[in-house]
Amino acid sequence: MSKEKLGELLTELNRELHTAGELDEETRELLSQLNDDIERLTGEAHSPTFDSAKQLESRFAANHPVAARIARELADVLAKMGI
């Protein structure tokens, strides 16, 4: 998977959350952190990006199933890239 795919998934996640309504402050921070991490992705062996994606997936599982699926895909792509 490529960094391009990560960008596409992140855009899709942001679009889905924009239509989902109000998010709590902690969730917005996690999403912002994930956005920042992916933007400056350097190919390091490990980064907090994967953890952020997994945390978002957990938060969205009950109330935002589409967002949870996208966050899960992001985490999968990151894992396949070795990040």
C-alpha atoms as a PDB file:
ATOM      1  CA  MET A   1       0.000   0.000   0.000  1.00  0.00           C
ATOM      2  CA  SER A   2       1.140   3.521  -0.644  1.00  0.00           C
ATOM      3  CA  LYS A   3       1.156   6.847   1.095  1.00  0.00           C
ATOM      4  CA  GLU A   4      -1.334   7.895  -1.567  1.00  0.00           C
ATOM      5  CA  LYS A   5      -3.809   5.286  -0.258  1.00  0.00           C
ATOM      6  CA  LEU A   6      -3.323   6.633   3.264  1.00  0.00           C
ATOM      7  CA  GLY A   7      -4.195  10.103   2.030  1.00  0.00           C
ATOM      8  CA  GLU A   8      -7.325   8.817   0.299  1.00  0.00           C
ATOM      9  CA  LEU A   9      -8.486   6.980   3.412  1.00  0.00           C
ATOM     10  CA  LEU A  10      -7.783   9.984   5.628  1.00  0.00           C
ATOM     11  CA  THR A  11      -9.797  12.216   3.297  1.00  0.00           C
ATOM     12  CA  GLU A  12     -12.650   9.706   3.371  1.00  0.00           C
ATOM     13  CA  LEU A  13     -12.517   9.544   7.179  1.00  0.00           C
ATOM     14  CA  ASN A  14     -12.565  13.335   7.498  1.00  0.00           C
ATOM     15  CA  ARG A  15     -15.519  13.561   5.091  1.00  0.00           C
ATOM     16  CA  GLU A  16     -17.458  10.900   6.999  1.00  0.00           C
ATOM     17  CA  LEU A  17     -16.857  12.578  10.339  1.00  0.00           C
ATOM     18  CA  HIS A  18     -17.834  15.964   8.971  1.00  0.00           C
ATOM     19  CA  THR A  19     -21.278  14.565   8.166  1.00  0.00           C
ATOM     20  CA  ALA A  20     -21.521  12.608  11.435  1.00  0.00           C
ATOM     21  CA  GLY A  21     -22.054  15.659  13.612  1.00  0.00           C
ATOM     22  CA  GLU A  22     -20.349  16.856  16.765  1.00  0.00           C
ATOM     23  CA  LEU A  23     -17.256  15.028  18.041  1.00  0.00           C
ATOM     24  CA  ASP A  24     -15.843  15.269  21.541  1.00  0.00           C
ATOM     25  CA  GLU A  25     -12.586  17.160  22.098  1.00  0.00           C
ATOM     26  CA  GLU A  26     -10.450  14.033  22.645  1.00  0.00           C
ATOM     27  CA  THR A  27     -11.679  12.480  19.398  1.00  0.00           C
ATOM     28  CA  ARG A  28     -10.973  15.692  17.497  1.00  0.00           C
ATOM     29  CA  GLU A  29      -7.447  15.729  18.970  1.00  0.00           C
ATOM     30  CA  LEU A  30      -6.851  12.113  17.909  1.00  0.00           C
ATOM     31  CA  LEU A  31      -8.059  12.876  14.401  1.00  0.00           C
ATOM     32  CA  SER A  32      -5.877  15.966  14.211  1.00  0.00           C
ATOM     33  CA  GLN A  33      -2.876  13.981  15.420  1.00  0.00           C
ATOM     34  CA  LEU A  34      -3.542  11.293  12.825  1.00  0.00           C
ATOM     35  CA  ASN A  35      -3.793  13.953  10.099  1.00  0.00           C
ATOM     36  CA  ASP A  36      -0.492  15.494  11.200  1.00  0.00           C
ATOM     37  CA  ASP A  37       1.272  12.131  11.511  1.00  0.00           C
ATOM     38  CA  ILE A  38       0.264  11.010   8.041  1.00  0.00           C
ATOM     39  CA  GLU A  39       1.226  14.356   6.509  1.00  0.00           C
ATOM     40  CA  ARG A  40       4.764  14.114   7.865  1.00  0.00           C
ATOM     41  CA  LEU A  41       5.078  10.374   7.416  1.00  0.00           C
ATOM     42  CA  THR A  42       8.722   9.572   6.838  1.00  0.00           C
ATOM     43  CA  GLY A  43       8.772   5.797   6.669  1.00  0.00           C
ATOM     44  CA  GLU A  44      10.086   5.290  10.191  1.00  0.00           C
ATOM     45  CA  ALA A  45       9.941   1.744  11.577  1.00  0.00           C
ATOM     46  CA  HIS A  46       7.274   2.777  14.097  1.00  0.00           C
ATOM     47  CA  SER A  47       5.264   5.886  14.699  1.00  0.00           C
ATOM     48  CA  PRO A  48       2.283   6.874  16.821  1.00  0.00           C
ATOM     49  CA  THR A  49       0.215   7.012  13.621  1.00  0.00           C
ATOM     50  CA  PHE A  50      -0.847   3.354  13.852  1.00  0.00           C
ATOM     51  CA  ASP A  51      -1.860   3.793  17.499  1.00  0.00           C
ATOM     52  CA  SER A  52      -3.918   6.884  16.633  1.00  0.00           C
ATOM     53  CA  ALA A  53      -5.751   5.003  13.890  1.00  0.00           C
ATOM     54  CA  LYS A  54      -6.527   2.104  16.229  1.00  0.00           C
ATOM     55  CA  GLN A  55      -7.773   4.468  18.969  1.00  0.00           C
ATOM     56  CA  LEU A  56     -10.074   6.198  16.499  1.00  0.00           C
ATOM     57  CA  GLU A  57     -11.377   2.843  15.294  1.00  0.00           C
ATOM     58  CA  SER A  58     -12.301   1.903  18.879  1.00  0.00           C
ATOM     59  CA  ARG A  59     -14.009   5.238  19.539  1.00  0.00           C
ATOM     60  CA  PHE A  60     -16.108   5.048  16.391  1.00  0.00           C
ATOM     61  CA  ALA A  61     -17.129   1.382  16.575  1.00  0.00           C
ATOM     62  CA  ALA A  62     -20.513   1.924  18.243  1.00  0.00           C
ATOM     63  CA  ASN A  63     -21.689   5.285  16.929  1.00  0.00           C
ATOM     64  CA  HIS A  64     -19.872   5.740  13.622  1.00  0.00           C
ATOM     65  CA  PRO A  65     -19.474   2.340  11.919  1.00  0.00           C
ATOM     66  CA  VAL A  66     -18.355   3.800   8.575  1.00  0.00           C
ATOM     67  CA  ALA A  67     -15.702   5.911  10.310  1.00  0.00           C
ATOM     68  CA  ALA A  68     -14.617   2.831  12.289  1.00  0.00           C
ATOM     69  CA  ARG A  69     -14.179   0.878   9.047  1.00  0.00           C
ATOM     70  CA  ILE A  70     -12.087   3.665   7.522  1.00  0.00           C
ATOM     71  CA  ALA A  71      -9.926   3.965  10.648  1.00  0.00           C
ATOM     72  CA  ARG A  72      -9.444   0.178  10.584  1.00  0.00           C
ATOM     73  CA  GLU A  73      -8.369   0.373   6.926  1.00  0.00           C
ATOM     74  CA  LEU A  74      -5.918   3.146   7.819  1.00  0.00           C
ATOM     75  CA  ALA A  75      -4.431   1.001  10.583  1.00  0.00           C
ATOM     76  CA  ASP A  76      -4.186  -1.978   8.202  1.00  0.00           C
ATOM     77  CA  VAL A  77      -2.409   0.102   5.537  1.00  0.00           C
ATOM     78  CA  LEU A  78       0.004   1.467   8.142  1.00  0.00           C
ATOM     79  CA  ALA A  79       0.724  -2.036   9.435  1.00  0.00           C
ATOM     80  CA  LYS A  80       1.394  -3.309   5.907  1.00  0.00           C
ATOM     81  CA  MET A  81       3.782  -0.392   5.374  1.00  0.00           C
ATOM     82  CA  GLY A  82       5.613  -1.378   8.574  1.00  0.00           C
ATOM     83  CA  ILE A  83       4.695   1.822  10.399  1.00  0.00           C
END
